[in-house]
């Protein structure tokens, strides 16, 4: 039994180091993914805000009884 002890301990240490390495690289990948997703969410929120502003302009145009043509799109509407 004593001759198996160093082999088992060596395997356990190797496994532990492998798991720690995998965990640290996984967290780094998650951070990068989170950062990219935050950028995408910010872009979507900006576009949504511009569209909401345009919808309000259209509603005001209709509510004040103005006829065609409708207000033109904002310059940055499709960015």
PDB file of N, CA and C in Angstrom:
ATOM      1  N   UNK A   1       0.820  -1.199   0.000  1.00  0.00           N
ATOM      2  CA  UNK A   1       0.000   0.000   0.000  1.00  0.00           C
ATOM      3  C   UNK A   1       0.859   1.256   0.000  1.00  0.00           C
ATOM      4  N   UNK A   2       1.998   1.226   0.670  1.00  0.00           N
ATOM      5  CA  UNK A   2       2.860   2.405   0.779  1.00  0.00           C
ATOM      6  C   UNK A   2       3.426   2.815  -0.571  1.00  0.00           C
ATOM      7  N   UNK A   3       3.682   1.844  -1.477  1.00  0.00           N
ATOM      8  CA  UNK A   3       4.241   2.211  -2.783  1.00  0.00           C
ATOM      9  C   UNK A   3       3.209   2.910  -3.671  1.00  0.00           C
ATOM     10  N   UNK A   4       1.929   2.767  -3.412  1.00  0.00           N
ATOM     11  CA  UNK A   4       0.880   3.425  -4.184  1.00  0.00           C
ATOM     12  C   UNK A   4       0.592   4.844  -3.699  1.00  0.00           C
ATOM     13  N   UNK A   5       0.983   5.129  -2.490  1.00  0.00           N
ATOM     14  CA  UNK A   5       0.669   6.434  -1.904  1.00  0.00           C
ATOM     15  C   UNK A   5       1.271   7.605  -2.703  1.00  0.00           C
ATOM     16  N   UNK A   6       2.571   7.570  -3.063  1.00  0.00           N
ATOM     17  CA  UNK A   6       3.110   8.701  -3.850  1.00  0.00           C
ATOM     18  C   UNK A   6       2.449   8.840  -5.224  1.00  0.00           C
ATOM     19  N   UNK A   7       2.071   7.736  -5.835  1.00  0.00           N
ATOM     20  CA  UNK A   7       1.421   7.793  -7.144  1.00  0.00           C
ATOM     21  C   UNK A   7       0.047   8.443  -7.015  1.00  0.00           C
ATOM     22  N   UNK A   8      -0.688   8.047  -6.007  1.00  0.00           N
ATOM     23  CA  UNK A   8      -2.017   8.612  -5.781  1.00  0.00           C
ATOM     24  C   UNK A   8      -1.923  10.093  -5.437  1.00  0.00           C
ATOM     25  N   UNK A   9      -0.978  10.452  -4.566  1.00  0.00           N
ATOM     26  CA  UNK A   9      -0.800  11.865  -4.218  1.00  0.00           C
ATOM     27  C   UNK A   9      -0.383  12.690  -5.430  1.00  0.00           C
ATOM     28  N   UNK A  10       0.522  12.157  -6.250  1.00  0.00           N
ATOM     29  CA  UNK A  10       0.957  12.859  -7.458  1.00  0.00           C
ATOM     30  C   UNK A  10      -0.207  13.076  -8.424  1.00  0.00           C
ATOM     31  N   UNK A  11      -1.027  12.053  -8.586  1.00  0.00           N
ATOM     32  CA  UNK A  11      -2.183  12.178  -9.467  1.00  0.00           C
ATOM     33  C   UNK A  11      -3.176  13.203  -8.915  1.00  0.00           C
ATOM     34  N   UNK A  12      -3.374  13.206  -7.600  1.00  0.00           N
ATOM     35  CA  UNK A  12      -4.306  14.149  -6.985  1.00  0.00           C
ATOM     36  C   UNK A  12      -3.817  15.585  -7.141  1.00  0.00           C
ATOM     37  N   UNK A  13      -2.515  15.800  -6.948  1.00  0.00           N
ATOM     38  CA  UNK A  13      -1.955  17.145  -7.106  1.00  0.00           C
ATOM     39  C   UNK A  13      -2.068  17.596  -8.557  1.00  0.00           C
ATOM     40  N   UNK A  14      -1.749  16.708  -9.499  1.00  0.00           N
ATOM     41  CA  UNK A  14      -1.860  17.041 -10.916  1.00  0.00           C
ATOM     42  C   UNK A  14      -3.294  17.389 -11.281  1.00  0.00           C
ATOM     43  N   UNK A  15      -4.234  16.600 -10.787  1.00  0.00           N
ATOM     44  CA  UNK A  15      -5.651  16.871 -11.038  1.00  0.00           C
ATOM     45  C   UNK A  15      -6.067  18.214 -10.451  1.00  0.00           C
ATOM     46  N   UNK A  16      -5.635  18.501  -9.229  1.00  0.00           N
ATOM     47  CA  UNK A  16      -5.985  19.760  -8.579  1.00  0.00           C
ATOM     48  C   UNK A  16      -5.424  20.951  -9.362  1.00  0.00           C
ATOM     49  N   UNK A  17      -4.180  20.844  -9.816  1.00  0.00           N
ATOM     50  CA  UNK A  17      -3.589  21.936 -10.601  1.00  0.00           C
ATOM     51  C   UNK A  17      -4.319  22.107 -11.931  1.00  0.00           C
ATOM     52  N   UNK A  18      -4.709  21.018 -12.544  1.00  0.00           N
ATOM     53  CA  UNK A  18      -5.467  21.105 -13.790  1.00  0.00           C
ATOM     54  C   UNK A  18      -6.807  21.780 -13.589  1.00  0.00           C
ATOM     55  N   UNK A  19      -7.492  21.443 -12.512  1.00  0.00           N
ATOM     56  CA  UNK A  19      -8.792  22.061 -12.224  1.00  0.00           C
ATOM     57  C   UNK A  19      -8.626  23.545 -11.932  1.00  0.00           C
ATOM     58  N   UNK A  20      -7.600  23.909 -11.178  1.00  0.00           N
ATOM     59  CA  UNK A  20      -7.358  25.330 -10.886  1.00  0.00           C
ATOM     60  C   UNK A  20      -7.045  26.118 -12.148  1.00  0.00           C
ATOM     61  N   UNK A  21      -6.251  25.537 -13.036  1.00  0.00           N
ATOM     62  CA  UNK A  21      -5.931  26.205 -14.298  1.00  0.00           C
ATOM     63  C   UNK A  21      -7.186  26.379 -15.133  1.00  0.00           C
ATOM     64  N   UNK A  22      -7.996  25.340 -15.232  1.00  0.00           N
ATOM     65  CA  UNK A  22      -9.227  25.417 -16.015  1.00  0.00           C
ATOM     66  C   UNK A  22     -10.166  26.474 -15.438  1.00  0.00           C
ATOM     67  N   UNK A  23     -10.267  26.516 -14.109  1.00  0.00           N
ATOM     68  CA  UNK A  23     -11.151  27.483 -13.456  1.00  0.00           C
ATOM     69  C   UNK A  23     -10.689  28.914 -13.721  1.00  0.00           C
ATOM     70  N   UNK A  24      -9.394  29.157 -13.620  1.00  0.00           N
ATOM     71  CA  UNK A  24      -8.901  30.526 -13.821  1.00  0.00           C
ATOM     72  C   UNK A  24      -9.068  30.969 -15.266  1.00  0.00           C
ATOM     73  N   UNK A  25      -8.846  30.088 -16.231  1.00  0.00           N
ATOM     74  CA  UNK A  25      -9.040  30.482 -17.627  1.00  0.00           C
ATOM     75  C   UNK A  25     -10.513  30.607 -17.945  1.00  0.00           C
ATOM     76  N   UNK A  26     -11.350  29.827 -17.332  1.00  0.00           N
ATOM     77  CA  UNK A  26     -12.800  29.912 -17.560  1.00  0.00           C
ATOM     78  C   UNK A  26     -13.319  31.259 -17.071  1.00  0.00           C
ATOM     79  N   UNK A  27     -12.856  31.711 -15.922  1.00  0.00           N
ATOM     80  CA  UNK A  27     -13.311  33.004 -15.402  1.00  0.00           C
ATOM     81  C   UNK A  27     -12.869  34.137 -16.314  1.00  0.00           C
ATOM     82  N   UNK A  28     -11.672  34.047 -16.860  1.00  0.00           N
ATOM     83  CA  UNK A  28     -11.197  35.074 -17.780  1.00  0.00           C
ATOM     84  C   UNK A  28     -12.079  35.102 -19.017  1.00  0.00           C
ATOM     85  N   UNK A  29     -12.415  33.937 -19.537  1.00  0.00           N
ATOM     86  CA  UNK A  29     -13.301  33.875 -20.693  1.00  0.00           C
ATOM     87  C   UNK A  29     -14.670  34.445 -20.382  1.00  0.00           C
ATOM     88  N   UNK A  30     -15.163  34.184 -19.181  1.00  0.00           N
ATOM     89  CA  UNK A  30     -16.458  34.722 -18.785  1.00  0.00           C
ATOM     90  C   UNK A  30     -16.420  36.240 -18.708  1.00  0.00           C
ATOM     91  N   UNK A  31     -15.322  36.775 -18.193  1.00  0.00           N
ATOM     92  CA  UNK A  31     -15.207  38.234 -18.105  1.00  0.00           C
ATOM     93  C   UNK A  31     -15.241  38.867 -19.489  1.00  0.00           C
ATOM     94  N   UNK A  32     -14.515  38.266 -20.416  1.00  0.00           N
ATOM     95  CA  UNK A  32     -14.503  38.796 -21.785  1.00  0.00           C
ATOM     96  C   UNK A  32     -15.905  38.711 -22.392  1.00  0.00           C
ATOM     97  N   UNK A  33     -16.567  37.604 -22.170  1.00  0.00           N
ATOM     98  CA  UNK A  33     -17.922  37.423 -22.697  1.00  0.00           C
ATOM     99  C   UNK A  33     -18.885  38.437 -22.084  1.00  0.00           C
ATOM    100  N   UNK A  34     -18.765  38.654 -20.782  1.00  0.00           N
ATOM    101  CA  UNK A  34     -19.631  39.622 -20.101  1.00  0.00           C
ATOM    102  C   UNK A  34     -19.392  41.020 -20.648  1.00  0.00           C
ATOM    103  N   UNK A  35     -18.134  41.368 -20.861  1.00  0.00           N
ATOM    104  CA  UNK A  35     -17.801  42.691 -21.399  1.00  0.00           C
ATOM    105  C   UNK A  35     -18.420  42.879 -22.780  1.00  0.00           C
ATOM    106  N   UNK A  36     -18.288  41.865 -23.641  1.00  0.00           N
ATOM    107  CA  UNK A  36     -18.873  41.956 -24.981  1.00  0.00           C
ATOM    108  C   UNK A  36     -20.394  42.073 -24.911  1.00  0.00           C
ATOM    109  N   UNK A  37     -21.006  41.319 -24.015  1.00  0.00           N
ATOM    110  CA  UNK A  37     -22.458  41.385 -23.880  1.00  0.00           C
ATOM    111  C   UNK A  37     -22.905  42.742 -23.354  1.00  0.00           C
ATOM    112  N   UNK A  38     -22.131  43.332 -22.443  1.00  0.00           N
ATOM    113  CA  UNK A  38     -22.477  44.660 -21.942  1.00  0.00           C
ATOM    114  C   UNK A  38     -22.429  45.692 -23.062  1.00  0.00           C
ATOM    115  N   UNK A  39     -21.444  45.580 -23.939  1.00  0.00           N
ATOM    116  CA  UNK A  39     -21.339  46.505 -25.077  1.00  0.00           C
ATOM    117  C   UNK A  39     -22.556  46.346 -25.977  1.00  0.00           C
ATOM    118  N   UNK A  40     -22.945  45.082 -26.242  1.00  0.00           N
ATOM    119  CA  UNK A  40     -24.121  44.835 -27.091  1.00  0.00           C
ATOM    120  C   UNK A  40     -25.390  45.384 -26.453  1.00  0.00           C
ATOM    121  N   UNK A  41     -25.546  45.193 -25.157  1.00  0.00           N
ATOM    122  CA  UNK A  41     -26.739  45.696 -24.465  1.00  0.00           C
ATOM    123  C   UNK A  41     -26.784  47.221 -24.535  1.00  0.00           C
ATOM    124  N   UNK A  42     -25.648  47.861 -24.342  1.00  0.00           N
ATOM    125  CA  UNK A  42     -25.608  49.326 -24.426  1.00  0.00           C
ATOM    126  C   UNK A  42     -26.004  49.807 -25.822  1.00  0.00           C
ATOM    127  N   UNK A  43     -25.522  49.108 -26.865  1.00  0.00           N
ATOM    128  CA  UNK A  43     -25.894  49.481 -28.235  1.00  0.00           C
ATOM    129  C   UNK A  43     -27.393  49.316 -28.465  1.00  0.00           C
ATOM    130  N   UNK A  44     -27.942  48.209 -27.999  1.00  0.00           N
ATOM    131  CA  UNK A  44     -29.378  47.963 -28.172  1.00  0.00           C
ATOM    132  C   UNK A  44     -30.188  49.012 -27.421  1.00  0.00           C
ATOM    133  N   UNK A  45     -29.779  49.363 -26.211  1.00  0.00           N
ATOM    134  CA  UNK A  45     -30.501  50.370 -25.440  1.00  0.00           C
ATOM    135  C   UNK A  45     -30.447  51.735 -26.123  1.00  0.00           C
ATOM    136  N   UNK A  46     -29.301  52.072 -26.714  1.00  0.00           N
ATOM    137  CA  UNK A  46     -29.186  53.343 -27.431  1.00  0.00           C
ATOM    138  C   UNK A  46     -30.121  53.371 -28.635  1.00  0.00           C
ATOM    139  N   UNK A  47     -30.118  52.270 -29.413  1.00  0.00           N
ATOM    140  CA  UNK A  47     -31.010  52.206 -30.572  1.00  0.00           C
ATOM    141  C   UNK A  47     -32.474  52.246 -30.149  1.00  0.00           C
ATOM    142  N   UNK A  48     -32.788  51.536 -29.089  1.00  0.00           N
ATOM    143  CA  UNK A  48     -34.163  51.512 -28.601  1.00  0.00           C
ATOM    144  C   UNK A  48     -34.597  52.910 -28.152  1.00  0.00           C
ATOM    145  N   UNK A  49     -33.694  53.628 -27.528  1.00  0.00           N
ATOM    146  CA  UNK A  49     -34.004  54.993 -27.104  1.00  0.00           C
ATOM    147  C   UNK A  49     -34.277  55.904 -28.286  1.00  0.00           C
ATOM    148  N   UNK A  50     -33.469  55.770 -29.339  1.00  0.00           N
ATOM    149  CA  UNK A  50     -33.692  56.594 -30.542  1.00  0.00           C
ATOM    150  C   UNK A  50     -35.035  56.264 -31.183  1.00  0.00           C
ATOM    151  N   UNK A  51     -35.359  54.974 -31.231  1.00  0.00           N
ATOM    152  CA  UNK A  51     -36.637  54.571 -31.824  1.00  0.00           C
ATOM    153  C   UNK A  51     -37.805  55.075 -30.984  1.00  0.00           C
ATOM    154  N   UNK A  52     -37.657  55.005 -29.659  1.00  0.00           N
ATOM    155  CA  UNK A  52     -38.709  55.520 -28.786  1.00  0.00           C
ATOM    156  C   UNK A  52     -38.913  57.010 -28.968  1.00  0.00           C
ATOM    157  N   UNK A  53     -37.827  57.747 -29.125  1.00  0.00           N
ATOM    158  CA  UNK A  53     -37.936  59.186 -29.373  1.00  0.00           C
ATOM    159  C   UNK A  53     -38.667  59.463 -30.683  1.00  0.00           C
ATOM    160  N   UNK A  54     -38.366  58.672 -31.711  1.00  0.00           N
ATOM    161  CA  UNK A  54     -39.021  58.869 -33.006  1.00  0.00           C
ATOM    162  C   UNK A  54     -40.515  58.533 -32.918  1.00  0.00           C
ATOM    163  N   UNK A  55     -40.831  57.483 -32.174  1.00  0.00           N
ATOM    164  CA  UNK A  55     -42.244  57.135 -31.993  1.00  0.00           C
ATOM    165  C   UNK A  55     -42.974  58.284 -31.305  1.00  0.00           C
ATOM    166  N   UNK A  56     -42.368  58.891 -30.315  1.00  0.00           N
ATOM    167  CA  UNK A  56     -42.991  60.032 -29.639  1.00  0.00           C
ATOM    168  C   UNK A  56     -43.175  61.202 -30.604  1.00  0.00           C
ATOM    169  N   UNK A  57     -42.200  61.442 -31.480  1.00  0.00           N
ATOM    170  CA  UNK A  57     -42.348  62.504 -32.487  1.00  0.00           C
ATOM    171  C   UNK A  57     -43.530  62.211 -33.412  1.00  0.00           C
ATOM    172  N   UNK A  58     -43.654  60.938 -33.823  1.00  0.00           N
ATOM    173  CA  UNK A  58     -44.777  60.566 -34.688  1.00  0.00           C
ATOM    174  C   UNK A  58     -46.109  60.743 -33.983  1.00  0.00           C
ATOM    175  N   UNK A  59     -46.178  60.326 -32.715  1.00  0.00           N
ATOM    176  CA  UNK A  59     -47.423  60.460 -31.961  1.00  0.00           C
ATOM    177  C   UNK A  59     -47.804  61.934 -31.801  1.00  0.00           C
ATOM    178  N   UNK A  60     -46.815  62.771 -31.514  1.00  0.00           N
ATOM    179  CA  UNK A  60     -47.084  64.199 -31.386  1.00  0.00           C
ATOM    180  C   UNK A  60     -47.575  64.776 -32.716  1.00  0.00           C
ATOM    181  N   UNK A  61     -46.985  64.330 -33.809  1.00  0.00           N
ATOM    182  CA  UNK A  61     -47.388  64.783 -35.138  1.00  0.00           C
ATOM    183  C   UNK A  61     -48.852  64.427 -35.397  1.00  0.00           C
ATOM    184  N   UNK A  62     -49.220  63.208 -35.038  1.00  0.00           N
ATOM    185  CA  UNK A  62     -50.600  62.757 -35.243  1.00  0.00           C
ATOM    186  C   UNK A  62     -51.552  63.484 -34.301  1.00  0.00           C
ATOM    187  N   UNK A  63     -51.177  63.600 -33.020  1.00  0.00           N
ATOM    188  CA  UNK A  63     -52.056  64.212 -32.016  1.00  0.00           C
ATOM    189  C   UNK A  63     -52.311  65.701 -32.260  1.00  0.00           C
ATOM    190  N   UNK A  64     -51.373  66.360 -32.881  1.00  0.00           N
ATOM    191  CA  UNK A  64     -51.576  67.782 -33.170  1.00  0.00           C
ATOM    192  C   UNK A  64     -52.334  67.994 -34.475  1.00  0.00           C
ATOM    193  N   UNK A  65     -52.690  66.893 -35.140  1.00  0.00           N
ATOM    194  CA  UNK A  65     -53.499  66.974 -36.340  1.00  0.00           C
ATOM    195  C   UNK A  65     -52.739  67.330 -37.599  1.00  0.00           C
ATOM    196  N   UNK A  66     -51.446  67.212 -37.546  1.00  0.00           N
ATOM    197  CA  UNK A  66     -50.665  67.500 -38.745  1.00  0.00           C
ATOM    198  C   UNK A  66     -50.825  66.336 -39.723  1.00  0.00           C
ATOM    199  N   UNK A  67     -50.966  66.651 -40.961  1.00  0.00           N
ATOM    200  CA  UNK A  67     -51.121  65.618 -41.978  1.00  0.00           C
ATOM    201  C   UNK A  67     -49.781  65.156 -42.537  1.00  0.00           C
ATOM    202  N   UNK A  68     -49.869  64.386 -43.601  1.00  0.00           N
ATOM    203  CA  UNK A  68     -48.643  63.891 -44.240  1.00  0.00           C
ATOM    204  C   UNK A  68     -47.834  65.055 -44.760  1.00  0.00           C
ATOM    205  N   UNK A  69     -46.597  64.925 -44.915  1.00  0.00           N
ATOM    206  CA  UNK A  69     -45.746  63.775 -44.619  1.00  0.00           C
ATOM    207  C   UNK A  69     -45.381  63.717 -43.139  1.00  0.00           C
ATOM    208  N   UNK A  70     -45.020  62.538 -42.726  1.00  0.00           N
ATOM    209  CA  UNK A  70     -44.592  62.343 -41.338  1.00  0.00           C
ATOM    210  C   UNK A  70     -43.215  62.950 -41.130  1.00  0.00           C
ATOM    211  N   UNK A  71     -42.835  63.204 -39.878  1.00  0.00           N
ATOM    212  CA  UNK A  71     -41.480  63.706 -39.631  1.00  0.00           C
ATOM    213  C   UNK A  71     -40.437  62.729 -40.170  1.00  0.00           C
ATOM    214  N   UNK A  72     -39.355  63.258 -40.656  1.00  0.00           N
ATOM    215  CA  UNK A  72     -38.306  62.384 -41.206  1.00  0.00           C
ATOM    216  C   UNK A  72     -37.577  61.662 -40.071  1.00  0.00           C
ATOM    217  N   UNK A  73     -36.925  60.577 -40.451  1.00  0.00           N
ATOM    218  CA  UNK A  73     -36.146  59.820 -39.477  1.00  0.00           C
ATOM    219  C   UNK A  73     -35.012  60.682 -38.926  1.00  0.00           C
ATOM    220  N   UNK A  74     -34.651  60.488 -37.667  1.00  0.00           N
ATOM    221  CA  UNK A  74     -33.460  61.176 -37.152  1.00  0.00           C
ATOM    222  C   UNK A  74     -32.211  60.710 -37.902  1.00  0.00           C
ATOM    223  N   UNK A  75     -31.211  61.536 -37.931  1.00  0.00           N
ATOM    224  CA  UNK A  75     -29.998  61.199 -38.686  1.00  0.00           C
ATOM    225  C   UNK A  75     -29.343  59.911 -38.198  1.00  0.00           C
ATOM    226  N   UNK A  76     -29.343  59.656 -36.906  1.00  0.00           N
ATOM    227  CA  UNK A  76     -28.660  58.483 -36.357  1.00  0.00           C
ATOM    228  C   UNK A  76     -29.631  57.341 -36.064  1.00  0.00           C
ATOM    229  N   UNK A  77     -30.784  57.304 -36.690  1.00  0.00           N
ATOM    230  CA  UNK A  77     -31.830  56.323 -36.388  1.00  0.00           C
ATOM    231  C   UNK A  77     -31.381  54.898 -36.677  1.00  0.00           C
ATOM    232  N   UNK A  78     -30.660  54.682 -37.747  1.00  0.00           N
ATOM    233  CA  UNK A  78     -30.279  53.321 -38.164  1.00  0.00           C
ATOM    234  C   UNK A  78     -28.874  52.940 -37.734  1.00  0.00           C
ATOM    235  N   UNK A  79     -28.200  53.736 -36.949  1.00  0.00           N
ATOM    236  CA  UNK A  79     -26.829  53.401 -36.489  1.00  0.00           C
ATOM    237  C   UNK A  79     -26.864  52.372 -35.403  1.00  0.00           C
TER     238      UNK A  79
END
